[in-house]
């Protein structure tokens, strides 16, 4: 059996394990959607803020950002599972296997991506039924973008989780990371109408480009050129992947 086949089988085995764990926790699937639905149907419809897109309500305007919010919170907090694997000693068995740390990282990242895309698909169906008319092509394009955004966020979460020793510490780091990423990312407001300091913070936030790209796909409107959004997301994904692989290499040496 070739080395490439071994690595591929390892990625598949890790992904299959993560998929089984995710779909067994049906309560988790429902719980993740509670906050986004509150944003959409309470803030989006109840507060009825201003939408900069002609012919689009505020609820429809924030829908792409809330969709990315689901991906952000589902995928990035997936790094918690690497800490859980340490406690179960599952990680020791995997680290002893004849596979590279990059393969382990890829398998875990795809596992985190799977859960986030599943949540995004459910929200897309809800949005298509009650918020924003969406055809099959737009849903397919949004899911394709969700794959990339999910991998990016899962990679960030795993890179951080690999260097954490406790779930409490990971949760503290996530609380200081995820909410600023969400609020600075322009999910709830138009960056063109924000102040210079807020715009600067937004442009330093990788989540901004994810939201802007998704908004272009679903609404046909964006602050930045879609090509720039896609390039920024790809660059951030490459950087997060490199960071994750290095973090998993350190995990091998120190755990």
Foldseek 3Di string as FASTA:
>chain_A
DDLVVVLVVLLVVLLVVLVVVLVVPVVVLVVLCPVLVCCLPCVQPVVFDDDPDPPATLSRLLLLLSLLLSLQVQQLQLLLVVLVCVVVVVVVVVLPDPYALLSVLSSSLVSSLVSSLVSSLVSVVVCCVPNAPDDPVLSVVLSVLSSLSNSLSNLNNNLVSLPDNDSVVSVVVCVVPSVLLSVLLQSNHDLVPDDPVSVVSNVVRLSNLSSQLNCCSRPVDGPDPNVVSVVSSVVSSVVSSVSSSVSSVVSSVPD
